[in-house]
């Protein structure tokens, strides 16, 4: 089943229960993608055999991302909300 992310986002923006943060949408403070890529690069490079196909690389990524990793990357963001 395809998911229309634009429609989902639009519905979320209309939800009166959601509180929106006054923060720029492209703020590097809220973006964990660069640190996440760094984690993934280290994990790929530490393997004995490097992936040789896109599927193998995807398997490494999906198998190495754990909830704790994401929580650690978001930790400083959450702390910054309490400090401001």
Protein backbone atom coordinates (compact mmCIF):
# COMPACT_ATOMS: atom_id res chain seq x y z
CA UNK A 1 0.00 0.00 0.00
CA UNK A 2 1.43 3.36 -1.02
CA UNK A 3 1.58 6.13 1.52
CA UNK A 4 1.05 9.69 0.40
CA UNK A 5 3.41 11.55 2.72
CA UNK A 6 2.15 14.94 1.56
CA UNK A 7 -1.39 14.06 2.58
CA UNK A 8 -0.19 12.63 5.89
CA UNK A 9 1.82 15.78 6.63
CA UNK A 10 -1.08 18.03 5.65
CA UNK A 11 -3.37 16.09 7.99
CA UNK A 12 -0.86 16.42 10.81
CA UNK A 13 -0.61 20.17 10.25
CA UNK A 14 -4.39 20.43 10.60
CA UNK A 15 -4.48 18.43 13.86
CA UNK A 16 -5.44 20.85 16.67
CA UNK A 17 -3.98 18.47 19.26
CA UNK A 18 -0.45 18.84 17.89
CA UNK A 19 1.77 21.59 19.21
CA UNK A 20 4.14 23.06 16.66
CA UNK A 21 7.58 24.28 17.56
CA UNK A 22 8.67 27.72 16.37
CA UNK A 23 11.75 26.26 14.72
CA UNK A 24 12.98 26.51 11.11
CA UNK A 25 12.10 23.38 9.14
CA UNK A 26 15.64 22.96 7.82
CA UNK A 27 17.35 23.64 11.12
CA UNK A 28 20.48 21.49 11.57
CA UNK A 29 19.60 21.35 15.26
CA UNK A 30 16.70 19.02 14.46
CA UNK A 31 18.39 16.96 11.77
CA UNK A 32 20.08 13.73 12.82
CA UNK A 33 20.85 12.51 9.31
CA UNK A 34 24.54 13.55 9.27
CA UNK A 35 25.36 11.91 12.60
CA UNK A 36 23.32 8.86 11.57
CA UNK A 37 25.29 8.55 8.32
CA UNK A 38 28.51 8.75 10.34
CA UNK A 39 27.33 5.87 12.55
CA UNK A 40 26.35 3.81 9.52
CA UNK A 41 29.65 4.51 7.70
CA UNK A 42 31.63 3.34 10.73
CA UNK A 43 29.58 0.16 10.94
CA UNK A 44 29.98 -0.64 7.24
CA UNK A 45 33.72 0.03 7.31
CA UNK A 46 34.20 -2.13 10.40
CA UNK A 47 32.82 -5.22 8.64
CA UNK A 48 35.24 -7.92 7.56
CA UNK A 49 33.57 -8.13 4.14
CA UNK A 50 32.29 -4.90 2.64
CA UNK A 51 28.89 -5.01 0.93
CA UNK A 52 29.14 -5.55 -2.82
CA UNK A 53 25.55 -4.77 -3.78
CA UNK A 54 22.92 -2.21 -2.89
CA UNK A 55 20.83 -4.94 -1.23
CA UNK A 56 23.73 -6.00 0.99
CA UNK A 57 24.33 -2.38 1.93
CA UNK A 58 20.65 -1.89 2.76
CA UNK A 59 20.74 -5.06 4.89
CA UNK A 60 23.71 -3.68 6.83
CA UNK A 61 21.92 -0.38 7.41
CA UNK A 62 18.63 -1.93 8.43
CA UNK A 63 20.34 -4.47 10.65
CA UNK A 64 22.51 -1.92 12.41
CA UNK A 65 20.06 0.86 13.25
CA UNK A 66 18.67 0.27 16.71
CA UNK A 67 16.29 2.36 18.75
CA UNK A 68 19.06 3.21 21.21
CA UNK A 69 21.14 4.71 18.39
CA UNK A 70 18.30 7.00 17.33
CA UNK A 71 17.56 7.96 20.94
CA UNK A 72 21.21 8.92 21.49
CA UNK A 73 21.16 11.13 18.41
CA UNK A 74 17.93 12.84 19.46
CA UNK A 75 19.04 13.25 23.09
CA UNK A 76 20.81 16.59 22.58
CA UNK A 77 17.81 17.93 20.64
CA UNK A 78 15.43 17.08 23.46
CA UNK A 79 17.80 18.63 26.01
CA UNK A 80 17.97 21.85 24.00
CA UNK A 81 14.20 22.25 24.36
CA UNK A 82 14.53 22.26 28.12
CA UNK A 83 17.45 24.68 28.07
CA UNK A 84 15.70 27.33 25.95
